[in-house]
Amino acid sequence: MIELPRGRYDLLFVSGDSASPSYTAIEIEGQCVWQPERPLRTGEFATDIVPIAQRRDGCAAIRFSAGKGLPWRVNVLIVNKNYPYL
C-alpha cells in the first residue's frame, strides 16, 4: 500500500536478481496487471513504467506476486506524479 493524493502517477519499477532466477507479477488493484513475458534468468532484469490513476486521496494497493515456481523480486520502485501542462 502506498498513500497517494488524488491524481495521475507513473510507477517505475525494476525487477530481477543477480543471484537467482525470478518471476514478478505486479497488480495495481482495480487498474492493471503487469508480468514479464517469461521468467527472468539469473542476472536478468526487467523494467517498465505503469500508469496509475488515483481517483481520490487514499491508499493505492500494489501487489507483488511470484509465478512459475520462482520468487518475486522488486529492486526499485519509484512513483512520479504527472502534472498537467500549464
N, C-alpha and C. Protein backbone atom coordinates (compact mmCIF):
# COMPACT_ATOMS: atom_id res chain seq x y z
N MET A 1 0.83 -1.17 0.00
CA MET A 1 0.00 0.00 0.00
C MET A 1 0.88 1.24 0.00
N ILE A 2 0.51 2.18 -0.85
CA ILE A 2 1.17 3.48 -0.90
C ILE A 2 0.09 4.54 -0.78
N GLU A 3 0.25 5.45 0.16
CA GLU A 3 -0.73 6.52 0.31
C GLU A 3 -0.42 7.62 -0.70
N LEU A 4 -1.42 7.95 -1.53
CA LEU A 4 -1.25 8.95 -2.57
C LEU A 4 -2.45 9.89 -2.61
N PRO A 5 -2.20 11.18 -2.82
CA PRO A 5 -3.33 12.08 -3.05
C PRO A 5 -3.91 11.83 -4.45
N ARG A 6 -5.11 12.31 -4.66
CA ARG A 6 -5.78 12.16 -5.96
C ARG A 6 -4.87 12.68 -7.07
N GLY A 7 -4.83 11.95 -8.19
CA GLY A 7 -4.02 12.39 -9.33
C GLY A 7 -3.58 11.22 -10.19
N ARG A 8 -2.75 11.55 -11.16
CA ARG A 8 -2.19 10.54 -12.07
C ARG A 8 -0.71 10.39 -11.77
N TYR A 9 -0.24 9.14 -11.82
CA TYR A 9 1.13 8.82 -11.46
C TYR A 9 1.71 7.82 -12.45
N ASP A 10 3.03 7.80 -12.53
CA ASP A 10 3.75 6.74 -13.24
C ASP A 10 4.51 5.94 -12.20
N LEU A 11 4.35 4.63 -12.23
CA LEU A 11 5.06 3.73 -11.33
C LEU A 11 6.18 3.09 -12.14
N LEU A 12 7.43 3.40 -11.79
CA LEU A 12 8.59 2.81 -12.46
C LEU A 12 9.16 1.76 -11.53
N PHE A 13 9.43 0.59 -12.06
CA PHE A 13 10.00 -0.47 -11.23
C PHE A 13 11.07 -1.23 -11.99
N VAL A 14 11.95 -1.86 -11.22
CA VAL A 14 12.97 -2.76 -11.74
C VAL A 14 12.82 -4.07 -10.98
N SER A 15 12.81 -5.17 -11.72
CA SER A 15 12.64 -6.49 -11.13
C SER A 15 13.73 -7.41 -11.65
N GLY A 16 14.17 -8.33 -10.82
CA GLY A 16 15.18 -9.30 -11.23
C GLY A 16 16.11 -9.60 -10.08
N ASP A 17 17.09 -10.50 -10.33
CA ASP A 17 18.02 -10.90 -9.29
C ASP A 17 19.34 -11.31 -9.94
N SER A 18 20.44 -10.83 -9.38
CA SER A 18 21.75 -11.19 -9.94
C SER A 18 22.19 -12.58 -9.49
N ALA A 19 21.53 -13.15 -8.46
CA ALA A 19 21.97 -14.42 -7.91
C ALA A 19 21.06 -15.61 -8.25
N SER A 20 19.82 -15.34 -8.66
CA SER A 20 18.91 -16.46 -8.94
C SER A 20 17.79 -16.03 -9.88
N PRO A 21 17.13 -16.99 -10.53
CA PRO A 21 16.00 -16.66 -11.40
C PRO A 21 14.82 -16.13 -10.58
N SER A 22 13.93 -15.39 -11.25
CA SER A 22 12.76 -14.84 -10.56
C SER A 22 11.63 -14.60 -11.55
N TYR A 23 10.45 -14.39 -10.99
CA TYR A 23 9.27 -14.07 -11.79
C TYR A 23 8.38 -13.17 -10.94
N THR A 24 8.17 -11.95 -11.38
CA THR A 24 7.40 -10.99 -10.59
C THR A 24 6.22 -10.47 -11.40
N ALA A 25 5.03 -10.62 -10.86
CA ALA A 25 3.84 -10.00 -11.43
C ALA A 25 3.45 -8.85 -10.52
N ILE A 26 3.00 -7.75 -11.11
CA ILE A 26 2.61 -6.57 -10.35
C ILE A 26 1.17 -6.23 -10.69
N GLU A 27 0.35 -6.11 -9.65
CA GLU A 27 -1.06 -5.77 -9.83
C GLU A 27 -1.38 -4.50 -9.07
N ILE A 28 -1.95 -3.52 -9.77
CA ILE A 28 -2.46 -2.32 -9.14
C ILE A 28 -3.97 -2.53 -9.04
N GLU A 29 -4.46 -2.66 -7.82
CA GLU A 29 -5.85 -3.04 -7.59
C GLU A 29 -6.83 -2.18 -8.37
N GLY A 30 -7.67 -2.86 -9.17
CA GLY A 30 -8.70 -2.18 -9.93
C GLY A 30 -8.21 -1.49 -11.19
N GLN A 31 -6.92 -1.65 -11.53
CA GLN A 31 -6.40 -0.91 -12.69
C GLN A 31 -5.69 -1.79 -13.70
N CYS A 32 -4.60 -2.43 -13.32
CA CYS A 32 -3.86 -3.21 -14.32
C CYS A 32 -3.00 -4.27 -13.66
N VAL A 33 -2.53 -5.18 -14.49
CA VAL A 33 -1.59 -6.22 -14.07
C VAL A 33 -0.43 -6.20 -15.05
N TRP A 34 0.79 -6.24 -14.52
CA TRP A 34 1.99 -6.34 -15.36
C TRP A 34 2.68 -7.63 -14.99
N GLN A 35 3.19 -8.33 -16.02
CA GLN A 35 4.01 -9.52 -15.78
C GLN A 35 4.99 -9.67 -16.94
N PRO A 36 6.15 -10.25 -16.67
CA PRO A 36 7.13 -10.43 -17.74
C PRO A 36 6.65 -11.48 -18.74
N GLU A 37 7.20 -11.43 -19.94
CA GLU A 37 6.83 -12.40 -20.97
C GLU A 37 7.25 -13.81 -20.59
N ARG A 38 8.32 -13.89 -19.81
CA ARG A 38 8.85 -15.19 -19.39
C ARG A 38 9.60 -15.00 -18.07
N PRO A 39 9.91 -16.08 -17.36
CA PRO A 39 10.71 -15.95 -16.14
C PRO A 39 12.06 -15.30 -16.46
N LEU A 40 12.57 -14.52 -15.52
CA LEU A 40 13.87 -13.88 -15.69
C LEU A 40 14.96 -14.82 -15.20
N ARG A 41 15.99 -15.00 -16.02
CA ARG A 41 17.12 -15.85 -15.65
C ARG A 41 18.02 -15.13 -14.65
N THR A 42 18.91 -15.85 -14.04
CA THR A 42 19.89 -15.27 -13.14
C THR A 42 20.62 -14.14 -13.86
N GLY A 43 20.68 -12.97 -13.24
CA GLY A 43 21.37 -11.82 -13.83
C GLY A 43 20.53 -11.00 -14.79
N GLU A 44 19.31 -11.42 -15.08
CA GLU A 44 18.41 -10.65 -15.96
C GLU A 44 17.51 -9.75 -15.13
N PHE A 45 17.20 -8.59 -15.71
CA PHE A 45 16.34 -7.63 -15.03
C PHE A 45 15.31 -7.11 -16.03
N ALA A 46 14.13 -6.75 -15.51
CA ALA A 46 13.08 -6.14 -16.33
C ALA A 46 12.73 -4.80 -15.71
N THR A 47 12.40 -3.84 -16.55
CA THR A 47 11.96 -2.54 -16.07
C THR A 47 10.79 -2.07 -16.93
N ASP A 48 9.89 -1.33 -16.32
CA ASP A 48 8.75 -0.81 -17.06
C ASP A 48 8.15 0.35 -16.28
N ILE A 49 7.31 1.11 -16.95
CA ILE A 49 6.56 2.19 -16.33
C ILE A 49 5.08 1.87 -16.48
N VAL A 50 4.37 1.85 -15.36
CA VAL A 50 2.94 1.54 -15.35
C VAL A 50 2.19 2.77 -14.86
N PRO A 51 1.19 3.25 -15.62
CA PRO A 51 0.42 4.41 -15.16
C PRO A 51 -0.59 4.03 -14.08
N ILE A 52 -0.78 4.95 -13.13
CA ILE A 52 -1.77 4.78 -12.06
C ILE A 52 -2.68 6.00 -12.07
N ALA A 53 -3.98 5.78 -11.98
CA ALA A 53 -4.94 6.88 -11.81
C ALA A 53 -5.55 6.74 -10.42
N GLN A 54 -5.17 7.64 -9.53
CA GLN A 54 -5.69 7.65 -8.16
C GLN A 54 -6.90 8.57 -8.14
N ARG A 55 -8.09 8.01 -8.04
CA ARG A 55 -9.32 8.79 -8.18
C ARG A 55 -9.68 9.63 -6.95
N ARG A 56 -9.14 9.26 -5.80
CA ARG A 56 -9.37 10.07 -4.59
C ARG A 56 -8.18 9.88 -3.65
N ASP A 57 -8.02 10.79 -2.71
CA ASP A 57 -6.95 10.67 -1.73
C ASP A 57 -7.09 9.34 -1.00
N GLY A 58 -5.98 8.66 -0.79
CA GLY A 58 -6.03 7.39 -0.07
C GLY A 58 -4.91 6.47 -0.50
N CYS A 59 -5.10 5.21 -0.23
CA CYS A 59 -4.06 4.22 -0.50
C CYS A 59 -4.26 3.54 -1.85
N ALA A 60 -3.16 3.38 -2.56
CA ALA A 60 -3.15 2.59 -3.80
C ALA A 60 -2.61 1.21 -3.43
N ALA A 61 -3.36 0.18 -3.70
CA ALA A 61 -2.94 -1.18 -3.38
C ALA A 61 -2.11 -1.74 -4.52
N ILE A 62 -0.84 -1.98 -4.25
CA ILE A 62 0.07 -2.55 -5.24
C ILE A 62 0.49 -3.91 -4.70
N ARG A 63 0.24 -4.96 -5.47
CA ARG A 63 0.52 -6.32 -5.02
C ARG A 63 1.60 -6.93 -5.91
N PHE A 64 2.62 -7.48 -5.28
CA PHE A 64 3.68 -8.21 -5.97
C PHE A 64 3.45 -9.69 -5.73
N SER A 65 3.54 -10.49 -6.78
CA SER A 65 3.35 -11.93 -6.61
C SER A 65 4.34 -12.70 -7.46
N ALA A 66 4.62 -13.91 -7.01
CA ALA A 66 5.54 -14.80 -7.71
C ALA A 66 4.77 -15.64 -8.72
N GLY A 67 5.48 -16.33 -9.56
CA GLY A 67 4.86 -17.22 -10.52
C GLY A 67 5.87 -18.20 -11.07
N LYS A 68 5.37 -19.20 -11.76
CA LYS A 68 6.23 -20.20 -12.40
C LYS A 68 7.13 -20.91 -11.40
N GLY A 69 6.73 -20.95 -10.12
CA GLY A 69 7.52 -21.62 -9.10
C GLY A 69 8.77 -20.86 -8.68
N LEU A 70 8.87 -19.59 -9.05
CA LEU A 70 10.04 -18.76 -8.73
C LEU A 70 9.65 -17.64 -7.78
N PRO A 71 10.60 -17.10 -7.02
CA PRO A 71 10.29 -15.99 -6.12
C PRO A 71 10.13 -14.68 -6.88
N TRP A 72 9.43 -13.72 -6.26
CA TRP A 72 9.33 -12.38 -6.85
C TRP A 72 10.45 -11.52 -6.30
N ARG A 73 10.89 -10.55 -7.12
CA ARG A 73 11.95 -9.63 -6.72
C ARG A 73 11.61 -8.24 -7.25
N VAL A 74 11.62 -7.25 -6.37
CA VAL A 74 11.50 -5.85 -6.79
C VAL A 74 12.70 -5.12 -6.24
N ASN A 75 13.52 -4.54 -7.13
CA ASN A 75 14.74 -3.86 -6.73
C ASN A 75 14.53 -2.36 -6.52
N VAL A 76 13.71 -1.77 -7.36
CA VAL A 76 13.47 -0.32 -7.32
C VAL A 76 11.99 -0.08 -7.58
N LEU A 77 11.41 0.86 -6.84
CA LEU A 77 10.03 1.28 -7.06
C LEU A 77 10.00 2.79 -6.89
N ILE A 78 9.68 3.50 -7.98
CA ILE A 78 9.64 4.96 -7.97
C ILE A 78 8.25 5.39 -8.42
N VAL A 79 7.63 6.28 -7.67
CA VAL A 79 6.32 6.81 -8.02
C VAL A 79 6.49 8.29 -8.36
N ASN A 80 6.17 8.65 -9.60
CA ASN A 80 6.25 10.05 -10.07
C ASN A 80 4.85 10.58 -10.34
N LYS A 81 4.57 11.76 -9.82
CA LYS A 81 3.28 12.41 -10.08
C LYS A 81 3.32 13.08 -11.45
N ASN A 82 2.26 12.89 -12.22
CA ASN A 82 2.12 13.58 -13.51
C ASN A 82 1.42 14.90 -13.27
N TYR A 83 2.04 15.97 -13.68
CA TYR A 83 1.44 17.30 -13.53
C TYR A 83 0.88 17.75 -14.87
N PRO A 84 -0.30 18.38 -14.86
CA PRO A 84 -0.85 18.90 -16.13
C PRO A 84 0.02 20.03 -16.65
N TYR A 85 0.05 20.14 -17.96
CA TYR A 85 0.81 21.23 -18.57
C TYR A 85 0.14 22.56 -18.25
N LEU A 86 0.94 23.56 -18.03
CA LEU A 86 0.40 24.89 -17.71
C LEU A 86 0.01 25.62 -18.96
